[in-house]
Amino acid sequence: MKTLRGSASEGNFVDIRCHKCGLINDNLQLSDRAWKCPNCGAAHDRDENGAINIEMEGGRLLAGSGYIG
């Protein structure tokens, strides 16, 4: 079911990438709504974790763009 969140080549792992350490937990099923990072131990709600990762990526992209908003 990974096709629902994008392909691996596109790097669309927003809901399964730990926002604390960056580990991609590809052992998750789509039905897993909460998970604990096996690397750093951070507890994640899948939707909240995905939102944090999107926000962090947006900030990273804007930081290097020269945009002043």
Protein backbone atom coordinates (compact mmCIF):
# COMPACT_ATOMS: atom_id res chain seq x y z
CA MET A 1 0.00 0.00 0.00
CA LYS A 2 2.99 2.35 -0.15
CA THR A 3 1.69 3.75 -3.43
CA LEU A 4 -0.90 5.72 -1.43
CA ARG A 5 1.80 7.96 0.01
CA GLY A 6 4.02 8.24 -3.06
CA SER A 7 6.91 6.32 -4.47
CA ALA A 8 10.22 5.74 -2.75
CA SER A 9 12.02 7.57 -5.54
CA GLU A 10 9.98 10.71 -4.79
CA GLY A 11 10.89 10.58 -1.09
CA ASN A 12 7.28 10.85 0.06
CA PHE A 13 7.62 9.35 3.51
CA VAL A 14 6.07 12.15 5.55
CA ASP A 15 3.94 9.87 7.72
CA ILE A 16 6.54 7.15 8.31
CA ARG A 17 9.67 9.30 8.78
CA CYS A 18 10.45 10.06 12.43
CA HIS A 19 10.52 13.85 12.78
CA LYS A 20 13.01 13.53 15.66
CA CYS A 21 15.76 11.40 14.11
CA GLY A 22 14.73 10.96 10.46
CA LEU A 23 14.41 7.16 10.47
CA ILE A 24 12.02 5.83 7.81
CA ASN A 25 9.90 3.12 9.42
CA ASP A 26 8.82 1.10 6.40
CA ASN A 27 7.48 -1.69 8.62
CA LEU A 28 4.26 0.25 9.22
CA GLN A 29 0.95 -0.79 7.72
CA LEU A 30 -1.55 1.83 6.55
CA SER A 31 -3.76 0.83 9.49
CA ASP A 32 -1.02 1.71 12.03
CA ARG A 33 -2.12 5.13 13.31
CA ALA A 34 0.39 5.45 16.14
CA TRP A 35 3.94 4.16 16.31
CA LYS A 36 7.12 4.34 18.32
CA CYS A 37 10.41 4.99 16.55
CA PRO A 38 12.65 1.94 16.94
CA ASN A 39 15.73 4.18 16.65
CA CYS A 40 15.13 7.05 19.10
CA GLY A 41 12.01 5.87 20.95
CA ALA A 42 9.84 8.90 20.05
CA ALA A 43 6.10 8.19 20.13
CA HIS A 44 4.19 9.38 17.07
CA ASP A 45 0.61 9.89 15.98
CA ARG A 46 0.93 9.19 12.28
CA ASP A 47 -1.07 12.19 11.05
CA GLU A 48 0.59 14.62 13.45
CA ASN A 49 4.04 13.28 12.59
CA GLY A 50 3.31 13.72 8.88
CA ALA A 51 2.16 17.30 9.44
CA ILE A 52 5.33 18.12 11.41
CA ASN A 53 7.49 16.63 8.66
CA ILE A 54 5.68 18.69 6.00
CA GLU A 55 6.11 21.86 8.06
CA MET A 56 9.81 21.14 8.60
CA GLU A 57 10.36 20.47 4.88
CA GLY A 58 8.54 23.69 3.94
CA GLY A 59 10.73 25.67 6.32
CA ARG A 60 13.85 24.02 4.93
CA LEU A 61 12.84 24.86 1.35
CA LEU A 62 11.95 28.47 2.19
CA ALA A 63 15.14 29.01 4.18
CA GLY A 64 17.28 28.43 1.13
CA SER A 65 15.07 30.31 -1.33
CA GLY A 66 15.77 33.86 -0.22
CA TYR A 67 12.05 34.37 0.37
CA ILE A 68 11.26 37.09 2.89
CA GLY A 69 7.64 36.89 3.90
